């Protein structure tokens, strides 16, 4: 696994009508695990923006921390530390 910090990530970006998806393939291939950050317009409690961060491992298990959790707010974390923080803060999907 690449030992770099969040601040050094070159995020790939997909833009939709009401959302922006930032994603990073950890081993730089689509066969590796990845971190995603989704900035989206949600209809929950009216129309508000929400940012959620996800992590999908190589075995296709997925963790999602929603409620304005943006891993990019922690630039000092290494990838390994960021993954642990995402897992610890996951409140929507918890790796099952």
PDB file of N, CA and C in Angstrom:
ATOM      1  N   UNK A   1       0.847  -1.179   0.000  1.00  0.00           N
ATOM      2  CA  UNK A   1       0.000   0.000   0.000  1.00  0.00           C
ATOM      3  C   UNK A   1       0.893   1.243   0.000  1.00  0.00           C
ATOM      4  N   UNK A   2       0.492   2.229  -0.730  1.00  0.00           N
ATOM      5  CA  UNK A   2       1.266   3.459  -0.826  1.00  0.00           C
ATOM      6  C   UNK A   2       1.196   4.210   0.496  1.00  0.00           C
ATOM      7  N   UNK A   3       2.355   4.591   1.032  1.00  0.00           N
ATOM      8  CA  UNK A   3       2.414   5.324   2.292  1.00  0.00           C
ATOM      9  C   UNK A   3       2.550   6.823   2.016  1.00  0.00           C
ATOM     10  N   UNK A   4       1.485   7.431   1.565  1.00  0.00           N
ATOM     11  CA  UNK A   4       1.501   8.873   1.362  1.00  0.00           C
ATOM     12  C   UNK A   4       0.432   9.478   2.271  1.00  0.00           C
ATOM     13  N   UNK A   5       0.395  10.778   2.296  1.00  0.00           N
ATOM     14  CA  UNK A   5      -0.577  11.482   3.133  1.00  0.00           C
ATOM     15  C   UNK A   5      -1.750  11.954   2.283  1.00  0.00           C
ATOM     16  N   UNK A   6      -2.859  12.203   2.934  1.00  0.00           N
ATOM     17  CA  UNK A   6      -4.063  12.660   2.245  1.00  0.00           C
ATOM     18  C   UNK A   6      -3.774  13.921   1.430  1.00  0.00           C
ATOM     19  N   UNK A   7      -2.967  14.825   1.978  1.00  0.00           N
ATOM     20  CA  UNK A   7      -2.672  16.074   1.275  1.00  0.00           C
ATOM     21  C   UNK A   7      -1.932  15.849  -0.038  1.00  0.00           C
ATOM     22  N   UNK A   8      -1.304  14.698  -0.222  1.00  0.00           N
ATOM     23  CA  UNK A   8      -0.547  14.423  -1.437  1.00  0.00           C
ATOM     24  C   UNK A   8      -1.364  13.712  -2.519  1.00  0.00           C
ATOM     25  N   UNK A   9      -2.599  13.391  -2.221  1.00  0.00           N
ATOM     26  CA  UNK A   9      -3.429  12.651  -3.181  1.00  0.00           C
ATOM     27  C   UNK A   9      -3.839  13.553  -4.338  1.00  0.00           C
ATOM     28  N   UNK A  10      -3.715  13.014  -5.525  1.00  0.00           N
ATOM     29  CA  UNK A  10      -4.251  13.621  -6.730  1.00  0.00           C
ATOM     30  C   UNK A  10      -5.601  12.957  -6.984  1.00  0.00           C
ATOM     31  N   UNK A  11      -6.675  13.562  -6.542  1.00  0.00           N
ATOM     32  CA  UNK A  11      -8.001  12.960  -6.639  1.00  0.00           C
ATOM     33  C   UNK A  11      -8.485  12.980  -8.082  1.00  0.00           C
ATOM     34  N   UNK A  12      -9.094  11.884  -8.528  1.00  0.00           N
ATOM     35  CA  UNK A  12      -9.827  11.875  -9.797  1.00  0.00           C
ATOM     36  C   UNK A  12     -11.211  12.436  -9.491  1.00  0.00           C
ATOM     37  N   UNK A  13     -11.825  13.085 -10.467  1.00  0.00           N
ATOM     38  CA  UNK A  13     -13.094  13.773 -10.219  1.00  0.00           C
ATOM     39  C   UNK A  13     -14.119  13.415 -11.294  1.00  0.00           C
ATOM     40  N   UNK A  14     -15.333  13.109 -10.835  1.00  0.00           N
ATOM     41  CA  UNK A  14     -16.493  12.949 -11.709  1.00  0.00           C
ATOM     42  C   UNK A  14     -17.538  13.959 -11.261  1.00  0.00           C
ATOM     43  N   UNK A  15     -18.021  14.789 -12.181  1.00  0.00           N
ATOM     44  CA  UNK A  15     -19.025  15.790 -11.818  1.00  0.00           C
ATOM     45  C   UNK A  15     -20.366  15.439 -12.433  1.00  0.00           C
ATOM     46  N   UNK A  16     -21.396  15.477 -11.606  1.00  0.00           N
ATOM     47  CA  UNK A  16     -22.758  15.273 -12.059  1.00  0.00           C
ATOM     48  C   UNK A  16     -23.519  16.582 -11.972  1.00  0.00           C
ATOM     49  N   UNK A  17     -24.808  16.505 -12.174  1.00  0.00           N
ATOM     50  CA  UNK A  17     -25.645  17.708 -12.123  1.00  0.00           C
ATOM     51  C   UNK A  17     -25.634  18.340 -10.732  1.00  0.00           C
ATOM     52  N   UNK A  18     -25.824  17.537  -9.706  1.00  0.00           N
ATOM     53  CA  UNK A  18     -25.923  18.048  -8.340  1.00  0.00           C
ATOM     54  C   UNK A  18     -24.861  17.479  -7.399  1.00  0.00           C
ATOM     55  N   UNK A  19     -23.871  16.765  -7.951  1.00  0.00           N
ATOM     56  CA  UNK A  19     -22.880  16.175  -7.064  1.00  0.00           C
ATOM     57  C   UNK A  19     -21.506  16.115  -7.722  1.00  0.00           C
ATOM     58  N   UNK A  20     -20.495  15.959  -6.876  1.00  0.00           N
ATOM     59  CA  UNK A  20     -19.114  15.803  -7.316  1.00  0.00           C
ATOM     60  C   UNK A  20     -18.529  14.617  -6.557  1.00  0.00           C
ATOM     61  N   UNK A  21     -17.938  13.686  -7.287  1.00  0.00           N
ATOM     62  CA  UNK A  21     -17.312  12.518  -6.680  1.00  0.00           C
ATOM     63  C   UNK A  21     -15.807  12.623  -6.865  1.00  0.00           C
ATOM     64  N   UNK A  22     -15.075  12.571  -5.750  1.00  0.00           N
ATOM     65  CA  UNK A  22     -13.624  12.522  -5.764  1.00  0.00           C
ATOM     66  C   UNK A  22     -13.249  11.093  -5.398  1.00  0.00           C
ATOM     67  N   UNK A  23     -12.345  10.490  -6.147  1.00  0.00           N
ATOM     68  CA  UNK A  23     -11.964   9.123  -5.812  1.00  0.00           C
ATOM     69  C   UNK A  23     -10.474   8.908  -6.032  1.00  0.00           C
ATOM     70  N   UNK A  24      -9.943   7.932  -5.298  1.00  0.00           N
ATOM     71  CA  UNK A  24      -8.522   7.625  -5.343  1.00  0.00           C
ATOM     72  C   UNK A  24      -8.341   6.118  -5.231  1.00  0.00           C
ATOM     73  N   UNK A  25      -7.767   5.512  -6.278  1.00  0.00           N
ATOM     74  CA  UNK A  25      -7.435   4.091  -6.249  1.00  0.00           C
ATOM     75  C   UNK A  25      -6.119   3.955  -5.510  1.00  0.00           C
ATOM     76  N   UNK A  26      -6.088   3.284  -4.401  1.00  0.00           N
ATOM     77  CA  UNK A  26      -4.919   3.255  -3.524  1.00  0.00           C
ATOM     78  C   UNK A  26      -3.689   2.655  -4.202  1.00  0.00           C
ATOM     79  N   UNK A  27      -3.845   1.563  -4.921  1.00  0.00           N
ATOM     80  CA  UNK A  27      -2.706   0.991  -5.631  1.00  0.00           C
ATOM     81  C   UNK A  27      -2.684   1.415  -7.093  1.00  0.00           C
ATOM     82  N   UNK A  28      -3.438   2.458  -7.407  1.00  0.00           N
ATOM     83  CA  UNK A  28      -3.460   3.070  -8.732  1.00  0.00           C
ATOM     84  C   UNK A  28      -4.014   2.177  -9.835  1.00  0.00           C
ATOM     85  N   UNK A  29      -4.809   1.170  -9.475  1.00  0.00           N
ATOM     86  CA  UNK A  29      -5.486   0.355 -10.478  1.00  0.00           C
ATOM     87  C   UNK A  29      -6.923   0.161 -10.026  1.00  0.00           C
ATOM     88  N   UNK A  30      -7.793  -0.113 -10.967  1.00  0.00           N
ATOM     89  CA  UNK A  30      -9.202  -0.332 -10.626  1.00  0.00           C
ATOM     90  C   UNK A  30      -9.430  -1.666  -9.922  1.00  0.00           C
ATOM     91  N   UNK A  31      -8.354  -2.437  -9.726  1.00  0.00           N
ATOM     92  CA  UNK A  31      -8.450  -3.707  -9.001  1.00  0.00           C
ATOM     93  C   UNK A  31      -8.064  -3.556  -7.541  1.00  0.00           C
ATOM     94  N   UNK A  32      -7.745  -2.328  -7.116  1.00  0.00           N
ATOM     95  CA  UNK A  32      -7.309  -2.104  -5.737  1.00  0.00           C
ATOM     96  C   UNK A  32      -8.442  -1.508  -4.906  1.00  0.00           C
ATOM     97  N   UNK A  33      -8.166  -1.349  -3.610  1.00  0.00           N
ATOM     98  CA  UNK A  33      -9.150  -0.678  -2.766  1.00  0.00           C
ATOM     99  C   UNK A  33      -9.115   0.813  -3.069  1.00  0.00           C
ATOM    100  N   UNK A  34     -10.163   1.533  -2.606  1.00  0.00           N
ATOM    101  CA  UNK A  34     -10.240   2.950  -2.950  1.00  0.00           C
ATOM    102  C   UNK A  34     -10.924   3.752  -1.856  1.00  0.00           C
ATOM    103  N   UNK A  35     -10.634   5.042  -1.885  1.00  0.00           N
ATOM    104  CA  UNK A  35     -11.280   6.021  -1.012  1.00  0.00           C
ATOM    105  C   UNK A  35     -12.089   6.948  -1.910  1.00  0.00           C
ATOM    106  N   UNK A  36     -13.310   7.272  -1.486  1.00  0.00           N
ATOM    107  CA  UNK A  36     -14.151   8.193  -2.244  1.00  0.00           C
ATOM    108  C   UNK A  36     -14.678   9.283  -1.327  1.00  0.00           C
ATOM    109  N   UNK A  37     -14.876  10.463  -1.896  1.00  0.00           N
ATOM    110  CA  UNK A  37     -15.518  11.571  -1.190  1.00  0.00           C
ATOM    111  C   UNK A  37     -16.614  12.078  -2.114  1.00  0.00           C
ATOM    112  N   UNK A  38     -17.848  12.049  -1.645  1.00  0.00           N
ATOM    113  CA  UNK A  38     -18.984  12.496  -2.441  1.00  0.00           C
ATOM    114  C   UNK A  38     -19.575  13.749  -1.818  1.00  0.00           C
ATOM    115  N   UNK A  39     -19.613  14.816  -2.583  1.00  0.00           N
ATOM    116  CA  UNK A  39     -20.255  16.073  -2.199  1.00  0.00           C
ATOM    117  C   UNK A  39     -21.550  16.121  -2.991  1.00  0.00           C
ATOM    118  N   UNK A  40     -22.683  15.999  -2.286  1.00  0.00           N
ATOM    119  CA  UNK A  40     -23.942  15.851  -3.016  1.00  0.00           C
ATOM    120  C   UNK A  40     -25.061  16.675  -2.413  1.00  0.00           C
ATOM    121  N   UNK A  41     -26.048  16.940  -3.241  1.00  0.00           N
ATOM    122  CA  UNK A  41     -27.268  17.581  -2.808  1.00  0.00           C
ATOM    123  C   UNK A  41     -28.226  16.483  -2.389  1.00  0.00           C
ATOM    124  N   UNK A  42     -28.721  16.569  -1.178  1.00  0.00           N
ATOM    125  CA  UNK A  42     -29.607  15.531  -0.673  1.00  0.00           C
ATOM    126  C   UNK A  42     -30.977  16.114  -0.340  1.00  0.00           C
ATOM    127  N   UNK A  43     -32.008  15.308  -0.471  1.00  0.00           N
ATOM    128  CA  UNK A  43     -33.351  15.733  -0.144  1.00  0.00           C
ATOM    129  C   UNK A  43     -33.716  15.458   1.308  1.00  0.00           C
ATOM    130  N   UNK A  44     -32.771  14.865   2.055  1.00  0.00           N
ATOM    131  CA  UNK A  44     -33.012  14.571   3.462  1.00  0.00           C
ATOM    132  C   UNK A  44     -33.076  15.880   4.239  1.00  0.00           C
ATOM    133  N   UNK A  45     -34.130  16.114   4.991  1.00  0.00           N
ATOM    134  CA  UNK A  45     -34.330  17.352   5.765  1.00  0.00           C
ATOM    135  C   UNK A  45     -34.288  18.586   4.879  1.00  0.00           C
ATOM    136  N   UNK A  46     -34.973  18.533   3.753  1.00  0.00           N
ATOM    137  CA  UNK A  46     -34.918  19.634   2.801  1.00  0.00           C
ATOM    138  C   UNK A  46     -33.763  19.400   1.846  1.00  0.00           C
ATOM    139  N   UNK A  47     -33.469  20.366   1.035  1.00  0.00           N
ATOM    140  CA  UNK A  47     -32.368  20.220   0.088  1.00  0.00           C
ATOM    141  C   UNK A  47     -31.132  20.874   0.655  1.00  0.00           C
ATOM    142  N   UNK A  48     -30.215  20.035   1.111  1.00  0.00           N
ATOM    143  CA  UNK A  48     -28.958  20.516   1.685  1.00  0.00           C
ATOM    144  C   UNK A  48     -27.806  19.730   1.067  1.00  0.00           C
ATOM    145  N   UNK A  49     -26.608  20.243   1.193  1.00  0.00           N
ATOM    146  CA  UNK A  49     -25.419  19.543   0.715  1.00  0.00           C
ATOM    147  C   UNK A  49     -24.899  18.644   1.832  1.00  0.00           C
ATOM    148  N   UNK A  50     -24.405  17.501   1.446  1.00  0.00           N
ATOM    149  CA  UNK A  50     -23.788  16.579   2.388  1.00  0.00           C
ATOM    150  C   UNK A  50     -22.505  16.069   1.754  1.00  0.00           C
ATOM    151  N   UNK A  51     -21.515  15.874   2.567  1.00  0.00           N
ATOM    152  CA  UNK A  51     -20.269  15.255   2.121  1.00  0.00           C
ATOM    153  C   UNK A  51     -20.113  13.957   2.889  1.00  0.00           C
ATOM    154  N   UNK A  52     -19.814  12.899   2.159  1.00  0.00           N
ATOM    155  CA  UNK A  52     -19.609  11.607   2.789  1.00  0.00           C
ATOM    156  C   UNK A  52     -18.359  10.957   2.212  1.00  0.00           C
ATOM    157  N   UNK A  53     -17.649  10.251   3.069  1.00  0.00           N
ATOM    158  CA  UNK A  53     -16.414   9.602   2.664  1.00  0.00           C
ATOM    159  C   UNK A  53     -16.574   8.097   2.782  1.00  0.00           C
ATOM    160  N   UNK A  54     -16.159   7.400   1.736  1.00  0.00           N
ATOM    161  CA  UNK A  54     -16.259   5.950   1.732  1.00  0.00           C
ATOM    162  C   UNK A  54     -14.915   5.286   1.512  1.00  0.00           C
ATOM    163  N   UNK A  55     -14.838   4.053   1.953  1.00  0.00           N
ATOM    164  CA  UNK A  55     -13.667   3.218   1.709  1.00  0.00           C
ATOM    165  C   UNK A  55     -14.162   1.835   1.313  1.00  0.00           C
ATOM    166  N   UNK A  56     -13.700   1.341   0.154  1.00  0.00           N
ATOM    167  CA  UNK A  56     -14.019  -0.023  -0.289  1.00  0.00           C
ATOM    168  C   UNK A  56     -12.711  -0.798  -0.345  1.00  0.00           C
ATOM    169  N   UNK A  57     -12.677  -1.936   0.344  1.00  0.00           N
ATOM    170  CA  UNK A  57     -11.432  -2.712   0.355  1.00  0.00           C
ATOM    171  C   UNK A  57     -11.373  -3.673  -0.829  1.00  0.00           C
ATOM    172  N   UNK A  58     -10.272  -4.345  -0.945  1.00  0.00           N
ATOM    173  CA  UNK A  58     -10.021  -5.247  -2.070  1.00  0.00           C
ATOM    174  C   UNK A  58     -11.018  -6.406  -2.106  1.00  0.00           C
ATOM    175  N   UNK A  59     -11.642  -6.721  -0.943  1.00  0.00           N
ATOM    176  CA  UNK A  59     -12.637  -7.795  -0.859  1.00  0.00           C
ATOM    177  C   UNK A  59     -14.057  -7.287  -1.050  1.00  0.00           C
ATOM    178  N   UNK A  60     -14.185  -6.021  -1.476  1.00  0.00           N
ATOM    179  CA  UNK A  60     -15.471  -5.393  -1.783  1.00  0.00           C
ATOM    180  C   UNK A  60     -16.299  -5.042  -0.547  1.00  0.00           C
ATOM    181  N   UNK A  61     -15.676  -5.005   0.640  1.00  0.00           N
ATOM    182  CA  UNK A  61     -16.368  -4.524   1.832  1.00  0.00           C
ATOM    183  C   UNK A  61     -16.330  -3.002   1.802  1.00  0.00           C
ATOM    184  N   UNK A  62     -17.413  -2.360   2.273  1.00  0.00           N
ATOM    185  CA  UNK A  62     -17.554  -0.915   2.126  1.00  0.00           C
ATOM    186  C   UNK A  62     -17.930  -0.259   3.447  1.00  0.00           C
ATOM    187  N   UNK A  63     -17.262   0.838   3.759  1.00  0.00           N
ATOM    188  CA  UNK A  63     -17.548   1.653   4.936  1.00  0.00           C
ATOM    189  C   UNK A  63     -17.905   3.041   4.441  1.00  0.00           C
ATOM    190  N   UNK A  64     -18.925   3.669   5.023  1.00  0.00           N
ATOM    191  CA  UNK A  64     -19.336   5.003   4.610  1.00  0.00           C
ATOM    192  C   UNK A  64     -19.596   5.862   5.833  1.00  0.00           C
ATOM    193  N   UNK A  65     -18.901   6.989   5.881  1.00  0.00           N
ATOM    194  CA  UNK A  65     -19.088   7.975   6.950  1.00  0.00           C
ATOM    195  C   UNK A  65     -19.795   9.176   6.330  1.00  0.00           C
ATOM    196  N   UNK A  66     -21.070   9.344   6.660  1.00  0.00           N
ATOM    197  CA  UNK A  66     -21.846  10.449   6.097  1.00  0.00           C
ATOM    198  C   UNK A  66     -22.063  11.520   7.153  1.00  0.00           C
ATOM    199  N   UNK A  67     -22.746  12.596   6.780  1.00  0.00           N
ATOM    200  CA  UNK A  67     -23.001  13.687   7.719  1.00  0.00           C
ATOM    201  C   UNK A  67     -21.859  14.692   7.724  1.00  0.00           C
ATOM    202  N   UNK A  68     -21.449  15.089   6.517  1.00  0.00           N
ATOM    203  CA  UNK A  68     -20.367  16.070   6.342  1.00  0.00           C
ATOM    204  C   UNK A  68     -19.024  15.583   6.863  1.00  0.00           C
ATOM    205  N   UNK A  69     -18.749  14.301   6.671  1.00  0.00           N
ATOM    206  CA  UNK A  69     -17.431  13.756   7.005  1.00  0.00           C
ATOM    207  C   UNK A  69     -16.593  13.736   5.732  1.00  0.00           C
ATOM    208  N   UNK A  70     -15.555  14.559   5.706  1.00  0.00           N
ATOM    209  CA  UNK A  70     -14.692  14.710   4.538  1.00  0.00           C
ATOM    210  C   UNK A  70     -13.257  14.391   4.957  1.00  0.00           C
ATOM    211  N   UNK A  71     -12.724  13.264   4.496  1.00  0.00           N
ATOM    212  CA  UNK A  71     -11.379  12.853   4.890  1.00  0.00           C
ATOM    213  C   UNK A  71     -10.334  13.860   4.428  1.00  0.00           C
ATOM    214  N   UNK A  72     -10.652  14.686   3.438  1.00  0.00           N
ATOM    215  CA  UNK A  72      -9.705  15.699   2.975  1.00  0.00           C
ATOM    216  C   UNK A  72      -9.477  16.785   4.023  1.00  0.00           C
ATOM    217  N   UNK A  73     -10.321  16.814   5.057  1.00  0.00           N
ATOM    218  CA  UNK A  73     -10.120  17.746   6.174  1.00  0.00           C
ATOM    219  C   UNK A  73      -8.991  17.301   7.107  1.00  0.00           C
ATOM    220  N   UNK A  74      -8.404  16.149   6.825  1.00  0.00           N
ATOM    221  CA  UNK A  74      -7.320  15.587   7.642  1.00  0.00           C
ATOM    222  C   UNK A  74      -6.089  15.353   6.770  1.00  0.00           C
ATOM    223  N   UNK A  75      -5.498  16.414   6.234  1.00  0.00           N
ATOM    224  CA  UNK A  75      -4.397  16.261   5.273  1.00  0.00           C
ATOM    225  C   UNK A  75      -3.155  15.605   5.852  1.00  0.00           C
ATOM    226  N   UNK A  76      -3.007  15.635   7.160  1.00  0.00           N
ATOM    227  CA  UNK A  76      -1.806  15.088   7.788  1.00  0.00           C
ATOM    228  C   UNK A  76      -1.835  13.567   7.927  1.00  0.00           C
ATOM    229  N   UNK A  77      -3.000  12.953   7.728  1.00  0.00           N
ATOM    230  CA  UNK A  77      -3.116  11.499   7.891  1.00  0.00           C
ATOM    231  C   UNK A  77      -2.468  10.756   6.738  1.00  0.00           C
ATOM    232  N   UNK A  78      -1.856   9.622   7.053  1.00  0.00           N
ATOM    233  CA  UNK A  78      -1.395   8.718   6.001  1.00  0.00           C
ATOM    234  C   UNK A  78      -2.626   7.976   5.475  1.00  0.00           C
ATOM    235  N   UNK A  79      -2.457   7.278   4.367  1.00  0.00           N
ATOM    236  CA  UNK A  79      -3.562   6.492   3.812  1.00  0.00           C
ATOM    237  C   UNK A  79      -4.058   5.469   4.833  1.00  0.00           C
ATOM    238  N   UNK A  80      -3.148   4.784   5.490  1.00  0.00           N
ATOM    239  CA  UNK A  80      -3.530   3.780   6.496  1.00  0.00           C
ATOM    240  C   UNK A  80      -4.319   4.434   7.628  1.00  0.00           C
ATOM    241  N   UNK A  81      -3.857   5.571   8.122  1.00  0.00           N
ATOM    242  CA  UNK A  81      -4.564   6.284   9.194  1.00  0.00           C
ATOM    243  C   UNK A  81      -5.934   6.770   8.710  1.00  0.00           C
ATOM    244  N   UNK A  82      -5.995   7.234   7.471  1.00  0.00           N
ATOM    245  CA  UNK A  82      -7.265   7.713   6.912  1.00  0.00           C
ATOM    246  C   UNK A  82      -8.280   6.580   6.818  1.00  0.00           C
ATOM    247  N   UNK A  83      -7.836   5.414   6.388  1.00  0.00           N
ATOM    248  CA  UNK A  83      -8.740   4.264   6.301  1.00  0.00           C
ATOM    249  C   UNK A  83      -9.299   3.929   7.683  1.00  0.00           C
ATOM    250  N   UNK A  84      -8.447   3.915   8.686  1.00  0.00           N
ATOM    251  CA  UNK A  84      -8.910   3.635  10.046  1.00  0.00           C
ATOM    252  C   UNK A  84      -9.903   4.697  10.524  1.00  0.00           C
ATOM    253  N   UNK A  85      -9.659   5.956  10.195  1.00  0.00           N
ATOM    254  CA  UNK A  85     -10.570   7.041  10.600  1.00  0.00           C
ATOM    255  C   UNK A  85     -11.925   6.896   9.903  1.00  0.00           C
ATOM    256  N   UNK A  86     -11.910   6.546   8.624  1.00  0.00           N
ATOM    257  CA  UNK A  86     -13.168   6.322   7.892  1.00  0.00           C
ATOM    258  C   UNK A  86     -13.945   5.181   8.544  1.00  0.00           C
ATOM    259  N   UNK A  87     -13.255   4.075   8.822  1.00  0.00           N
ATOM    260  CA  UNK A  87     -13.923   2.928   9.453  1.00  0.00           C
ATOM    261  C   UNK A  87     -14.497   3.309  10.817  1.00  0.00           C
ATOM    262  N   UNK A  88     -13.732   4.036  11.603  1.00  0.00           N
ATOM    263  CA  UNK A  88     -14.173   4.437  12.941  1.00  0.00           C
ATOM    264  C   UNK A  88     -15.395   5.355  12.888  1.00  0.00           C
ATOM    265  N   UNK A  89     -15.471   6.200  11.857  1.00  0.00           N
ATOM    266  CA  UNK A  89     -16.570   7.160  11.739  1.00  0.00           C
ATOM    267  C   UNK A  89     -17.710   6.678  10.841  1.00  0.00           C
ATOM    268  N   UNK A  90     -17.607   5.453  10.327  1.00  0.00           N
ATOM    269  CA  UNK A  90     -18.668   4.953   9.439  1.00  0.00           C
ATOM    270  C   UNK A  90     -19.977   4.825  10.203  1.00  0.00           C
ATOM    271  N   UNK A  91     -21.021   5.372   9.617  1.00  0.00           N
ATOM    272  CA  UNK A  91     -22.331   5.368  10.271  1.00  0.00           C
ATOM    273  C   UNK A  91     -23.446   4.956   9.324  1.00  0.00           C
ATOM    274  N   UNK A  92     -23.116   4.722   8.078  1.00  0.00           N
ATOM    275  CA  UNK A  92     -24.125   4.312   7.099  1.00  0.00           C
ATOM    276  C   UNK A  92     -23.879   2.872   6.670  1.00  0.00           C
ATOM    277  N   UNK A  93     -22.659   2.570   6.249  1.00  0.00           N
ATOM    278  CA  UNK A  93     -22.229   1.218   5.916  1.00  0.00           C
ATOM    279  C   UNK A  93     -21.010   0.899   6.752  1.00  0.00           C
ATOM    280  N   UNK A  94     -20.937  -0.304   7.273  1.00  0.00           N
ATOM    281  CA  UNK A  94     -19.860  -0.620   8.212  1.00  0.00           C
ATOM    282  C   UNK A  94     -19.077  -1.881   7.836  1.00  0.00           C
ATOM    283  N   UNK A  95     -18.791  -2.037   6.566  1.00  0.00           N
ATOM    284  CA  UNK A  95     -17.929  -3.124   6.137  1.00  0.00           C
ATOM    285  C   UNK A  95     -18.579  -4.484   6.054  1.00  0.00           C
ATOM    286  N   UNK A  96     -19.881  -4.521   5.980  1.00  0.00           N
ATOM    287  CA  UNK A  96     -20.573  -5.818   5.911  1.00  0.00           C
ATOM    288  C   UNK A  96     -21.049  -6.098   4.520  1.00  0.00           C
TER     289      UNK A  96
END
